Amino acid sequence: MLSQIVLASSSATRSRILNNAGVFHEIILPQIDEDSIKAAMLADSSTHRDIADTLAEIKARKVSLQRTESYVLGCDQVLSFSGSIYSKPKNRNTLKQQLREMSGKTHDLISAAVIYKGSRPIWRHVGVVSLSMRILSELTIEKYVESNWSTVKLCTGGYEIERKGSQLFEKIEGDYFCILGLPLLEIISFLKFRDVLKS
């Protein structure tokens, strides 16, 4: 029997959050060139919010074409800082430079989610969280990156707020789940409204 809910994402964190909340689902990975889409949208002066929303929609649409009977959830997250977008760091040196630039300053994490059903979008949400970093010494940055690289290289911005990444910040304004890349409460509300999730 096919699952009623499909997650169009390779993120183990998103899948774990859904499972922990009792939102059981199937995973189908969408094959898209995110970097090319981002580059094209930036060249067209698209907002960072629109970029996250568009990428989430493209992922959901791609998988929904295969699974028209399911609720297909596409997600994307971008880090917006000083007019630029930061994605998953390409290497340790990239991450160290990003942390130097964000040290003592505030950036936004933009998390978008789009649900498709029957090959058309039926719901979307974009959440924004503002995070203020502590002033980080060069030693702190060096130790953090070298100690945590194996996991943070998979994260937008290069930190895991649910682990040692929390030590990098002095203030956070917004929804915790959005930091993890999934506006969980809003998704649950929609699925309950559609009677997909039972109380």
C-alpha atoms as a PDB file:
ATOM      1  CA  MET A   1       0.000   0.000   0.000  1.00  0.00           C
ATOM      2  CA  LEU A   2       1.363   3.416  -0.988  1.00  0.00           C
ATOM      3  CA  SER A   3       1.939   5.975   1.752  1.00  0.00           C
ATOM      4  CA  GLN A   4      -0.484   8.882   1.951  1.00  0.00           C
ATOM      5  CA  ILE A   5       2.391  11.268   2.716  1.00  0.00           C
ATOM      6  CA  VAL A   6       5.617  11.484   0.727  1.00  0.00           C
ATOM      7  CA  LEU A   7       8.626  13.570   1.742  1.00  0.00           C
ATOM      8  CA  ALA A   8      10.486  14.874  -1.309  1.00  0.00           C
ATOM      9  CA  SER A   9      13.751  15.444   0.526  1.00  0.00           C
ATOM     10  CA  SER A  10      17.029  13.703   1.295  1.00  0.00           C
ATOM     11  CA  SER A  11      17.181  15.282   4.756  1.00  0.00           C
ATOM     12  CA  ALA A  12      17.398  12.692   7.525  1.00  0.00           C
ATOM     13  CA  THR A  13      16.591  15.444  10.043  1.00  0.00           C
ATOM     14  CA  ARG A  14      13.291  16.338   8.361  1.00  0.00           C
ATOM     15  CA  SER A  15      12.308  12.681   8.163  1.00  0.00           C
ATOM     16  CA  ARG A  16      13.173  12.105  11.819  1.00  0.00           C
ATOM     17  CA  ILE A  17      11.145  15.146  12.936  1.00  0.00           C
ATOM     18  CA  LEU A  18       8.094  13.914  11.011  1.00  0.00           C
ATOM     19  CA  ASN A  19       8.394  10.382  12.390  1.00  0.00           C
ATOM     20  CA  ASN A  20       8.830  11.645  15.960  1.00  0.00           C
ATOM     21  CA  ALA A  21       5.647  13.686  15.538  1.00  0.00           C
ATOM     22  CA  GLY A  22       3.721  10.669  14.276  1.00  0.00           C
ATOM     23  CA  VAL A  23       3.653  11.891  10.679  1.00  0.00           C
ATOM     24  CA  PHE A  24       4.657   8.634   9.021  1.00  0.00           C
ATOM     25  CA  HIS A  25       5.745   8.938   5.430  1.00  0.00           C
ATOM     26  CA  GLU A  26       7.646   7.577   2.476  1.00  0.00           C
ATOM     27  CA  ILE A  27      10.773   9.250   1.085  1.00  0.00           C
ATOM     28  CA  ILE A  28      11.327   9.846  -2.614  1.00  0.00           C
ATOM     29  CA  LEU A  29      14.340  11.921  -3.600  1.00  0.00           C
ATOM     30  CA  PRO A  30      13.727  14.584  -6.252  1.00  0.00           C
ATOM     31  CA  GLN A  31      16.479  14.916  -8.850  1.00  0.00           C
ATOM     32  CA  ILE A  32      16.970  18.642  -9.409  1.00  0.00           C
ATOM     33  CA  ASP A  33      19.950  20.950  -9.892  1.00  0.00           C
ATOM     34  CA  GLU A  34      19.510  23.279  -6.911  1.00  0.00           C
ATOM     35  CA  ASP A  35      22.670  25.277  -7.549  1.00  0.00           C
ATOM     36  CA  SER A  36      21.648  26.159 -11.106  1.00  0.00           C
ATOM     37  CA  ILE A  37      18.151  27.179 -10.007  1.00  0.00           C
ATOM     38  CA  LYS A  38      19.542  29.374  -7.222  1.00  0.00           C
ATOM     39  CA  ALA A  39      22.053  30.980  -9.567  1.00  0.00           C
ATOM     40  CA  ALA A  40      19.371  31.730 -12.177  1.00  0.00           C
ATOM     41  CA  MET A  41      17.004  33.221  -9.601  1.00  0.00           C
ATOM     42  CA  LEU A  42      19.736  35.346  -8.053  1.00  0.00           C
ATOM     43  CA  ALA A  43      20.624  36.612 -11.521  1.00  0.00           C
ATOM     44  CA  ASP A  44      16.962  37.643 -11.895  1.00  0.00           C
ATOM     45  CA  SER A  45      17.121  39.484  -8.524  1.00  0.00           C
ATOM     46  CA  SER A  46      14.642  37.085  -6.881  1.00  0.00           C
ATOM     47  CA  THR A  47      14.243  37.474  -3.131  1.00  0.00           C
ATOM     48  CA  HIS A  48      15.803  34.864  -0.874  1.00  0.00           C
ATOM     49  CA  ARG A  49      12.311  33.996   0.372  1.00  0.00           C
ATOM     50  CA  ASP A  50      11.162  33.324  -3.201  1.00  0.00           C
ATOM     51  CA  ILE A  51      14.211  31.153  -3.852  1.00  0.00           C
ATOM     52  CA  ALA A  52      13.462  28.909  -0.866  1.00  0.00           C
ATOM     53  CA  ASP A  53       9.776  28.719  -1.813  1.00  0.00           C
ATOM     54  CA  THR A  54      10.530  27.937  -5.472  1.00  0.00           C
ATOM     55  CA  LEU A  55      13.002  25.179  -4.631  1.00  0.00           C
ATOM     56  CA  ALA A  56      10.518  23.590  -2.221  1.00  0.00           C
ATOM     57  CA  GLU A  57       7.828  23.705  -4.892  1.00  0.00           C
ATOM     58  CA  ILE A  58      10.037  22.242  -7.625  1.00  0.00           C
ATOM     59  CA  LYS A  59      10.913  19.296  -5.365  1.00  0.00           C
ATOM     60  CA  ALA A  60       7.275  18.646  -4.481  1.00  0.00           C
ATOM     61  CA  ARG A  61       6.122  18.957  -8.099  1.00  0.00           C
ATOM     62  CA  LYS A  62       8.818  16.611  -9.413  1.00  0.00           C
ATOM     63  CA  VAL A  63       7.836  13.816  -7.019  1.00  0.00           C
ATOM     64  CA  SER A  64       4.097  14.519  -7.278  1.00  0.00           C
ATOM     65  CA  LEU A  65       4.194  13.694 -10.986  1.00  0.00           C
ATOM     66  CA  GLN A  66       5.046  10.139  -9.891  1.00  0.00           C
ATOM     67  CA  ARG A  67       2.658  10.043  -6.934  1.00  0.00           C
ATOM     68  CA  THR A  68      -0.464  12.011  -7.848  1.00  0.00           C
ATOM     69  CA  GLU A  69      -2.573  10.250  -5.193  1.00  0.00           C
ATOM     70  CA  SER A  70      -0.288  11.224  -2.276  1.00  0.00           C
ATOM     71  CA  TYR A  71       0.358  14.405  -0.318  1.00  0.00           C
ATOM     72  CA  VAL A  72       3.894  15.262  -1.434  1.00  0.00           C
ATOM     73  CA  LEU A  73       5.906  17.571   0.835  1.00  0.00           C
ATOM     74  CA  GLY A  74       8.803  19.512  -0.653  1.00  0.00           C
ATOM     75  CA  CYS A  75      11.083  21.592   1.581  1.00  0.00           C
ATOM     76  CA  ASP A  76      14.010  23.918   1.203  1.00  0.00           C
ATOM     77  CA  GLN A  77      16.028  26.214   3.432  1.00  0.00           C
ATOM     78  CA  VAL A  78      18.358  29.099   2.682  1.00  0.00           C
ATOM     79  CA  LEU A  79      20.504  31.235   4.949  1.00  0.00           C
ATOM     80  CA  SER A  80      20.197  34.929   4.153  1.00  0.00           C
ATOM     81  CA  PHE A  81      22.984  37.178   5.355  1.00  0.00           C
ATOM     82  CA  SER A  82      24.022  40.641   4.250  1.00  0.00           C
ATOM     83  CA  GLY A  83      22.410  40.292   0.825  1.00  0.00           C
ATOM     84  CA  SER A  84      23.935  36.863   0.135  1.00  0.00           C
ATOM     85  CA  ILE A  85      22.750  33.282   0.367  1.00  0.00           C
ATOM     86  CA  TYR A  86      24.796  30.701   2.231  1.00  0.00           C
ATOM     87  CA  SER A  87      24.138  27.031   1.547  1.00  0.00           C
ATOM     88  CA  LYS A  88      25.791  23.863   2.815  1.00  0.00           C
ATOM     89  CA  PRO A  89      29.531  24.605   3.104  1.00  0.00           C
ATOM     90  CA  LYS A  90      31.658  23.107   0.330  1.00  0.00           C
ATOM     91  CA  ASN A  91      34.657  22.529   2.583  1.00  0.00           C
ATOM     92  CA  ARG A  92      36.093  23.371   5.999  1.00  0.00           C
ATOM     93  CA  ASN A  93      37.712  26.601   4.856  1.00  0.00           C
ATOM     94  CA  THR A  94      34.449  27.831   3.366  1.00  0.00           C
ATOM     95  CA  LEU A  95      32.659  27.219   6.641  1.00  0.00           C
ATOM     96  CA  LYS A  96      35.373  28.920   8.690  1.00  0.00           C
ATOM     97  CA  GLN A  97      35.125  32.000   6.476  1.00  0.00           C
ATOM     98  CA  GLN A  98      31.327  32.052   6.745  1.00  0.00           C
ATOM     99  CA  LEU A  99      31.523  31.889  10.538  1.00  0.00           C
ATOM    100  CA  ARG A 100      34.050  34.739  10.581  1.00  0.00           C
ATOM    101  CA  GLU A 101      31.694  36.859   8.489  1.00  0.00           C
ATOM    102  CA  MET A 102      28.615  36.073  10.616  1.00  0.00           C
ATOM    103  CA  SER A 103      30.423  36.416  13.966  1.00  0.00           C
ATOM    104  CA  GLY A 104      28.690  38.989  16.178  1.00  0.00           C
ATOM    105  CA  LYS A 105      25.953  39.578  13.577  1.00  0.00           C
ATOM    106  CA  THR A 106      22.406  38.448  12.795  1.00  0.00           C
ATOM    107  CA  HIS A 107      21.275  36.307   9.890  1.00  0.00           C
ATOM    108  CA  ASP A 108      17.978  34.748   8.804  1.00  0.00           C
ATOM    109  CA  LEU A 109      17.138  31.130   8.110  1.00  0.00           C
ATOM    110  CA  ILE A 110      14.268  30.884   5.636  1.00  0.00           C
ATOM    111  CA  SER A 111      12.445  27.534   5.608  1.00  0.00           C
ATOM    112  CA  ALA A 112       9.859  26.856   2.916  1.00  0.00           C
ATOM    113  CA  ALA A 113       7.454  23.943   2.608  1.00  0.00           C
ATOM    114  CA  VAL A 114       5.047  23.172  -0.233  1.00  0.00           C
ATOM    115  CA  ILE A 115       2.533  20.324  -0.440  1.00  0.00           C
ATOM    116  CA  TYR A 116       1.321  18.958  -3.775  1.00  0.00           C
ATOM    117  CA  LYS A 117      -1.643  16.658  -4.376  1.00  0.00           C
ATOM    118  CA  GLY A 118      -2.765  15.504  -7.786  1.00  0.00           C
ATOM    119  CA  SER A 119       0.221  17.227  -9.412  1.00  0.00           C
ATOM    120  CA  ARG A 120      -0.804  20.674  -8.185  1.00  0.00           C
ATOM    121  CA  PRO A 121       0.161  22.824  -5.172  1.00  0.00           C
ATOM    122  CA  ILE A 122      -2.466  22.889  -2.439  1.00  0.00           C
ATOM    123  CA  TRP A 123      -0.537  24.397   0.503  1.00  0.00           C
ATOM    124  CA  ARG A 124       2.628  26.355   1.202  1.00  0.00           C
ATOM    125  CA  HIS A 125       4.367  28.054   4.120  1.00  0.00           C
ATOM    126  CA  VAL A 126       7.541  30.074   4.510  1.00  0.00           C
ATOM    127  CA  GLY A 127       8.979  30.586   7.993  1.00  0.00           C
ATOM    128  CA  VAL A 128      11.785  32.975   8.910  1.00  0.00           C
ATOM    129  CA  VAL A 129      13.998  32.724  11.996  1.00  0.00           C
ATOM    130  CA  SER A 130      16.529  35.392  13.012  1.00  0.00           C
ATOM    131  CA  LEU A 131      19.683  34.146  14.705  1.00  0.00           C
ATOM    132  CA  SER A 132      22.269  36.377  16.373  1.00  0.00           C
ATOM    133  CA  MET A 133      25.742  34.895  16.688  1.00  0.00           C
ATOM    134  CA  ARG A 134      28.123  35.491  19.521  1.00  0.00           C
ATOM    135  CA  ILE A 135      31.437  37.113  18.726  1.00  0.00           C
ATOM    136  CA  LEU A 136      33.546  34.079  17.831  1.00  0.00           C
ATOM    137  CA  SER A 137      37.281  33.915  18.348  1.00  0.00           C
ATOM    138  CA  GLU A 138      39.459  32.332  15.680  1.00  0.00           C
ATOM    139  CA  LEU A 139      40.201  29.476  18.098  1.00  0.00           C
ATOM    140  CA  THR A 140      36.478  28.863  18.680  1.00  0.00           C
ATOM    141  CA  ILE A 141      35.819  28.742  14.939  1.00  0.00           C
ATOM    142  CA  GLU A 142      38.764  26.437  14.323  1.00  0.00           C
ATOM    143  CA  LYS A 143      37.773  23.998  17.092  1.00  0.00           C
ATOM    144  CA  TYR A 144      34.106  24.028  16.152  1.00  0.00           C
ATOM    145  CA  VAL A 145      34.661  23.274  12.479  1.00  0.00           C
ATOM    146  CA  GLU A 146      37.322  20.619  13.003  1.00  0.00           C
ATOM    147  CA  SER A 147      35.347  18.836  15.749  1.00  0.00           C
ATOM    148  CA  ASN A 148      31.955  18.879  14.020  1.00  0.00           C
ATOM    149  CA  TRP A 149      32.695  18.845  10.291  1.00  0.00           C
ATOM    150  CA  SER A 150      31.404  15.319   9.640  1.00  0.00           C
ATOM    151  CA  THR A 151      27.838  16.370  10.495  1.00  0.00           C
ATOM    152  CA  VAL A 152      27.694  20.152   9.971  1.00  0.00           C
ATOM    153  CA  LYS A 153      28.859  19.852   6.355  1.00  0.00           C
ATOM    154  CA  LEU A 154      25.333  18.612   5.626  1.00  0.00           C
ATOM    155  CA  CYS A 155      23.666  21.640   7.219  1.00  0.00           C
ATOM    156  CA  THR A 156      22.650  24.978   5.752  1.00  0.00           C
ATOM    157  CA  GLY A 157      25.000  27.510   7.325  1.00  0.00           C
ATOM    158  CA  GLY A 158      27.231  24.765   8.706  1.00  0.00           C
ATOM    159  CA  TYR A 159      25.757  24.389  12.178  1.00  0.00           C
ATOM    160  CA  GLU A 160      23.346  22.148  14.063  1.00  0.00           C
ATOM    161  CA  ILE A 161      21.395  24.246  16.528  1.00  0.00           C
ATOM    162  CA  GLU A 162      20.190  21.090  18.307  1.00  0.00           C
ATOM    163  CA  ARG A 163      23.791  20.137  19.115  1.00  0.00           C
ATOM    164  CA  LYS A 164      26.982  22.130  19.746  1.00  0.00           C
ATOM    165  CA  GLY A 165      25.893  24.723  17.209  1.00  0.00           C
ATOM    166  CA  SER A 166      23.725  26.205  19.964  1.00  0.00           C
ATOM    167  CA  GLN A 167      26.922  27.496  21.607  1.00  0.00           C
ATOM    168  CA  LEU A 168      27.512  29.819  18.656  1.00  0.00           C
ATOM    169  CA  PHE A 169      24.413  31.940  19.359  1.00  0.00           C
ATOM    170  CA  GLU A 170      23.305  34.482  21.922  1.00  0.00           C
ATOM    171  CA  LYS A 171      19.778  35.114  20.648  1.00  0.00           C
ATOM    172  CA  ILE A 172      17.214  33.354  18.445  1.00  0.00           C
ATOM    173  CA  GLU A 173      13.850  34.734  17.355  1.00  0.00           C
ATOM    174  CA  GLY A 174      11.446  32.340  15.693  1.00  0.00           C
ATOM    175  CA  ASP A 175      10.265  28.751  15.505  1.00  0.00           C
ATOM    176  CA  TYR A 176      12.691  26.003  16.526  1.00  0.00           C
ATOM    177  CA  PHE A 177      11.471  23.558  13.885  1.00  0.00           C
ATOM    178  CA  CYS A 178      12.053  26.118  11.151  1.00  0.00           C
ATOM    179  CA  ILE A 179      15.702  26.236  12.171  1.00  0.00           C
ATOM    180  CA  LEU A 180      15.794  22.506  11.482  1.00  0.00           C
ATOM    181  CA  GLY A 181      14.311  23.134   8.031  1.00  0.00           C
ATOM    182  CA  LEU A 182      10.731  22.026   8.612  1.00  0.00           C
ATOM    183  CA  PRO A 183       7.756  24.188   9.735  1.00  0.00           C
ATOM    184  CA  LEU A 184       6.322  21.208  11.608  1.00  0.00           C
ATOM    185  CA  LEU A 185       3.439  22.821  13.475  1.00  0.00           C
ATOM    186  CA  GLU A 186       2.025  24.393  10.338  1.00  0.00           C
ATOM    187  CA  ILE A 187       2.352  21.112   8.428  1.00  0.00           C
ATOM    188  CA  ILE A 188       0.545  19.231  11.194  1.00  0.00           C
ATOM    189  CA  SER A 189      -2.259  21.819  11.235  1.00  0.00           C
ATOM    190  CA  PHE A 190      -2.767  21.405   7.490  1.00  0.00           C
ATOM    191  CA  LEU A 191      -2.740  17.603   7.603  1.00  0.00           C
ATOM    192  CA  LYS A 192      -5.233  17.593  10.467  1.00  0.00           C
ATOM    193  CA  PHE A 193      -7.469  20.032   8.574  1.00  0.00           C
ATOM    194  CA  ARG A 194      -7.396  17.625   5.612  1.00  0.00           C
ATOM    195  CA  ASP A 195      -8.107  14.737   7.998  1.00  0.00           C
ATOM    196  CA  VAL A 196      -4.867  13.042   6.937  1.00  0.00           C
ATOM    197  CA  LEU A 197      -3.689  12.968  10.557  1.00  0.00           C
ATOM    198  CA  LYS A 198      -6.154  11.646  13.092  1.00  0.00           C
ATOM    199  CA  SER A 199      -6.316  13.079  16.606  1.00  0.00           C
END
